[in-house]
Amino acid sequence: MARSRAPELVLEPDGARTGTVRIEEECLELDVASPKAISLLRRWMGQVNGPSYPQPYLVEGPPGRFRLYVGDAAERVRTRHGIV
């Protein structure tokens, strides 16, 4: 899978740069360092990844690195994780 570089994303209101966003072929990858941002994304995982919502699909791994999948990629990753 090809990886492209993306500029850092400003996540904090004070302008502090606390993470990066990469657009990959199958997903949008977020690397965050702020405990507040990590907590927020983990909370989103519980809301987004329900069985009645097949897309999008948000996963974390390793800690602080999140990937958001949509479309066919979301279905492949959900199946890989045993969610049908």
N, C-alpha and C. Protein backbone atom coordinates (compact mmCIF):
# COMPACT_ATOMS: atom_id res chain seq x y z
N MET A 1 0.84 -1.17 0.00
CA MET A 1 0.00 0.00 0.00
C MET A 1 0.89 1.24 0.00
N ALA A 2 0.62 2.13 -0.92
CA ALA A 2 1.40 3.35 -1.01
C ALA A 2 1.06 4.28 0.13
N ARG A 3 2.06 4.95 0.65
CA ARG A 3 1.84 5.90 1.74
C ARG A 3 2.22 7.29 1.25
N SER A 4 1.40 8.24 1.58
CA SER A 4 1.70 9.60 1.19
C SER A 4 1.90 10.44 2.44
N ARG A 5 2.70 11.46 2.33
CA ARG A 5 2.92 12.36 3.45
C ARG A 5 1.85 13.44 3.43
N ALA A 6 1.35 13.77 4.60
CA ALA A 6 0.38 14.85 4.72
C ALA A 6 0.88 15.80 5.80
N PRO A 7 0.54 17.05 5.70
CA PRO A 7 0.96 17.99 6.74
C PRO A 7 0.30 17.66 8.07
N GLU A 8 0.91 18.14 9.14
CA GLU A 8 0.32 17.91 10.45
C GLU A 8 -1.01 18.63 10.56
N LEU A 9 -1.90 18.07 11.33
CA LEU A 9 -3.21 18.64 11.54
C LEU A 9 -3.24 19.36 12.88
N VAL A 10 -3.75 20.56 12.92
CA VAL A 10 -3.89 21.28 14.18
C VAL A 10 -5.12 20.74 14.89
N LEU A 11 -4.91 20.13 16.06
CA LEU A 11 -6.01 19.53 16.81
C LEU A 11 -6.43 20.35 18.01
N GLU A 12 -5.60 21.23 18.49
CA GLU A 12 -5.88 22.00 19.69
C GLU A 12 -6.23 23.44 19.32
N PRO A 13 -7.17 24.05 20.05
CA PRO A 13 -7.57 25.43 19.74
C PRO A 13 -6.44 26.45 19.84
N ASP A 14 -5.44 26.17 20.66
CA ASP A 14 -4.35 27.12 20.82
C ASP A 14 -3.33 27.04 19.69
N GLY A 15 -3.57 26.17 18.71
CA GLY A 15 -2.68 26.07 17.56
C GLY A 15 -1.56 25.06 17.74
N ALA A 16 -1.50 24.39 18.89
CA ALA A 16 -0.46 23.39 19.10
C ALA A 16 -0.68 22.21 18.16
N ARG A 17 0.39 21.77 17.54
CA ARG A 17 0.30 20.61 16.64
C ARG A 17 0.52 19.36 17.47
N THR A 18 -0.50 18.50 17.47
CA THR A 18 -0.43 17.33 18.33
C THR A 18 -0.61 16.02 17.58
N GLY A 19 -0.55 16.05 16.26
CA GLY A 19 -0.72 14.81 15.53
C GLY A 19 -0.53 14.99 14.04
N THR A 20 -0.64 13.88 13.33
CA THR A 20 -0.53 13.90 11.88
C THR A 20 -1.70 13.15 11.27
N VAL A 21 -1.99 13.49 10.04
CA VAL A 21 -3.02 12.81 9.26
C VAL A 21 -2.36 12.33 7.98
N ARG A 22 -2.58 11.06 7.65
CA ARG A 22 -2.08 10.52 6.39
C ARG A 22 -3.26 9.96 5.62
N ILE A 23 -3.28 10.23 4.35
CA ILE A 23 -4.30 9.67 3.48
C ILE A 23 -3.66 8.49 2.76
N GLU A 24 -4.17 7.30 3.05
CA GLU A 24 -3.66 6.10 2.42
C GLU A 24 -4.70 5.58 1.43
N GLU A 25 -4.31 4.58 0.68
CA GLU A 25 -5.19 4.05 -0.36
C GLU A 25 -6.50 3.51 0.22
N GLU A 26 -6.45 2.85 1.37
CA GLU A 26 -7.64 2.24 1.94
C GLU A 26 -8.22 2.97 3.14
N CYS A 27 -7.47 3.92 3.70
CA CYS A 27 -7.97 4.53 4.93
C CYS A 27 -7.37 5.91 5.15
N LEU A 28 -7.96 6.59 6.12
CA LEU A 28 -7.43 7.85 6.62
C LEU A 28 -6.78 7.51 7.95
N GLU A 29 -5.48 7.78 8.11
CA GLU A 29 -4.76 7.41 9.32
C GLU A 29 -4.46 8.64 10.15
N LEU A 30 -4.81 8.56 11.43
CA LEU A 30 -4.60 9.66 12.37
C LEU A 30 -3.63 9.22 13.45
N ASP A 31 -2.52 9.93 13.59
CA ASP A 31 -1.59 9.71 14.71
C ASP A 31 -1.78 10.88 15.65
N VAL A 32 -2.26 10.61 16.85
CA VAL A 32 -2.50 11.68 17.81
C VAL A 32 -1.70 11.45 19.08
N ALA A 33 -1.27 12.54 19.70
CA ALA A 33 -0.48 12.46 20.92
C ALA A 33 -1.23 12.98 22.12
N SER A 34 -2.21 13.82 21.90
CA SER A 34 -2.96 14.44 22.99
C SER A 34 -3.87 13.41 23.66
N PRO A 35 -3.79 13.26 24.98
CA PRO A 35 -4.70 12.34 25.67
C PRO A 35 -6.17 12.70 25.42
N LYS A 36 -6.47 13.98 25.28
CA LYS A 36 -7.84 14.41 25.01
C LYS A 36 -8.32 13.90 23.65
N ALA A 37 -7.46 14.01 22.63
CA ALA A 37 -7.81 13.54 21.29
C ALA A 37 -7.94 12.03 21.26
N ILE A 38 -7.06 11.32 21.96
CA ILE A 38 -7.13 9.85 22.02
C ILE A 38 -8.44 9.42 22.67
N SER A 39 -8.82 10.06 23.78
CA SER A 39 -10.08 9.72 24.45
C SER A 39 -11.28 9.98 23.55
N LEU A 40 -11.25 11.09 22.84
CA LEU A 40 -12.35 11.43 21.94
C LEU A 40 -12.48 10.38 20.84
N LEU A 41 -11.37 10.00 20.21
CA LEU A 41 -11.43 9.01 19.14
C LEU A 41 -11.86 7.64 19.66
N ARG A 42 -11.42 7.27 20.87
CA ARG A 42 -11.86 6.00 21.45
C ARG A 42 -13.36 6.02 21.72
N ARG A 43 -13.89 7.16 22.14
CA ARG A 43 -15.32 7.29 22.36
C ARG A 43 -16.07 7.16 21.02
N TRP A 44 -15.52 7.75 19.98
CA TRP A 44 -16.11 7.64 18.65
C TRP A 44 -16.17 6.18 18.20
N MET A 45 -15.13 5.41 18.54
CA MET A 45 -15.10 4.00 18.12
C MET A 45 -16.37 3.29 18.60
N GLY A 46 -16.76 3.52 19.84
CA GLY A 46 -17.95 2.88 20.38
C GLY A 46 -19.22 3.32 19.69
N GLN A 47 -19.24 4.54 19.18
CA GLN A 47 -20.44 5.05 18.50
C GLN A 47 -20.47 4.64 17.03
N VAL A 48 -19.33 4.62 16.38
CA VAL A 48 -19.26 4.37 14.94
C VAL A 48 -19.31 2.89 14.60
N ASN A 49 -18.70 2.05 15.41
CA ASN A 49 -18.49 0.65 15.04
C ASN A 49 -19.61 -0.30 15.46
N GLY A 50 -20.82 0.18 15.55
CA GLY A 50 -21.94 -0.68 15.92
C GLY A 50 -22.34 -1.61 14.78
N PRO A 51 -23.02 -2.72 15.12
CA PRO A 51 -23.41 -3.68 14.10
C PRO A 51 -24.41 -3.12 13.09
N SER A 52 -25.15 -2.11 13.46
CA SER A 52 -26.12 -1.56 12.51
C SER A 52 -25.50 -0.53 11.58
N TYR A 53 -24.24 -0.21 11.80
CA TYR A 53 -23.53 0.76 10.96
C TYR A 53 -22.32 0.10 10.33
N PRO A 54 -22.43 -0.50 9.14
CA PRO A 54 -21.30 -1.20 8.54
C PRO A 54 -20.18 -0.27 8.10
N GLN A 55 -20.47 1.01 7.91
CA GLN A 55 -19.43 1.96 7.53
C GLN A 55 -19.71 3.28 8.21
N PRO A 56 -18.77 4.09 8.43
CA PRO A 56 -17.33 3.82 8.35
C PRO A 56 -16.91 2.89 9.48
N TYR A 57 -15.66 2.48 9.46
CA TYR A 57 -15.13 1.60 10.50
C TYR A 57 -13.85 2.22 11.02
N LEU A 58 -13.79 2.45 12.34
CA LEU A 58 -12.66 3.11 12.99
C LEU A 58 -11.95 2.12 13.90
N VAL A 59 -10.63 1.96 13.71
CA VAL A 59 -9.84 1.04 14.53
C VAL A 59 -8.63 1.76 15.11
N GLU A 60 -8.17 1.25 16.26
CA GLU A 60 -6.96 1.79 16.88
C GLU A 60 -5.91 0.71 16.95
N GLY A 61 -4.70 1.05 16.67
CA GLY A 61 -3.59 0.14 16.83
C GLY A 61 -2.41 0.59 16.00
N PRO A 62 -1.28 0.73 16.61
CA PRO A 62 -0.96 0.73 18.04
C PRO A 62 -1.61 1.92 18.74
N PRO A 63 -1.52 1.97 20.08
CA PRO A 63 -2.16 3.06 20.82
C PRO A 63 -1.80 4.44 20.26
N GLY A 64 -2.85 5.25 20.07
CA GLY A 64 -2.65 6.60 19.55
C GLY A 64 -2.69 6.70 18.04
N ARG A 65 -2.76 5.58 17.33
CA ARG A 65 -2.85 5.58 15.87
C ARG A 65 -4.20 4.99 15.48
N PHE A 66 -5.00 5.78 14.82
CA PHE A 66 -6.34 5.38 14.43
C PHE A 66 -6.43 5.34 12.92
N ARG A 67 -7.24 4.41 12.42
CA ARG A 67 -7.48 4.31 10.98
C ARG A 67 -8.98 4.30 10.74
N LEU A 68 -9.42 5.14 9.82
CA LEU A 68 -10.83 5.22 9.46
C LEU A 68 -11.01 4.64 8.06
N TYR A 69 -11.80 3.58 7.97
CA TYR A 69 -12.04 2.89 6.71
C TYR A 69 -13.47 3.16 6.25
N VAL A 70 -13.68 3.24 4.94
CA VAL A 70 -15.02 3.38 4.36
C VAL A 70 -15.15 2.45 3.16
N GLY A 71 -16.36 2.24 2.72
CA GLY A 71 -16.61 1.44 1.52
C GLY A 71 -16.18 0.00 1.64
N ASP A 72 -15.66 -0.53 0.55
CA ASP A 72 -15.22 -1.92 0.51
C ASP A 72 -14.11 -2.19 1.53
N ALA A 73 -13.25 -1.20 1.75
CA ALA A 73 -12.16 -1.36 2.72
C ALA A 73 -12.73 -1.58 4.12
N ALA A 74 -13.80 -0.86 4.47
CA ALA A 74 -14.44 -1.03 5.78
C ALA A 74 -14.97 -2.45 5.92
N GLU A 75 -15.60 -2.96 4.88
CA GLU A 75 -16.13 -4.32 4.92
C GLU A 75 -15.01 -5.36 5.09
N ARG A 76 -13.90 -5.18 4.36
CA ARG A 76 -12.77 -6.12 4.48
C ARG A 76 -12.21 -6.12 5.89
N VAL A 77 -12.03 -4.94 6.47
CA VAL A 77 -11.43 -4.85 7.81
C VAL A 77 -12.40 -5.39 8.86
N ARG A 78 -13.68 -5.08 8.74
CA ARG A 78 -14.67 -5.62 9.69
C ARG A 78 -14.67 -7.15 9.64
N THR A 79 -14.62 -7.72 8.43
CA THR A 79 -14.59 -9.17 8.28
C THR A 79 -13.31 -9.74 8.89
N ARG A 80 -12.19 -9.09 8.66
CA ARG A 80 -10.90 -9.52 9.21
C ARG A 80 -10.94 -9.53 10.75
N HIS A 81 -11.69 -8.61 11.35
CA HIS A 81 -11.82 -8.53 12.80
C HIS A 81 -12.96 -9.39 13.33
N GLY A 82 -13.61 -10.15 12.45
CA GLY A 82 -14.67 -11.07 12.86
C GLY A 82 -16.01 -10.42 13.07
N ILE A 83 -16.21 -9.23 12.50
CA ILE A 83 -17.49 -8.53 12.61
C ILE A 83 -18.17 -8.65 11.26
N VAL A 84 -19.36 -9.24 11.27
CA VAL A 84 -20.10 -9.39 10.01
C VAL A 84 -21.36 -8.59 10.01
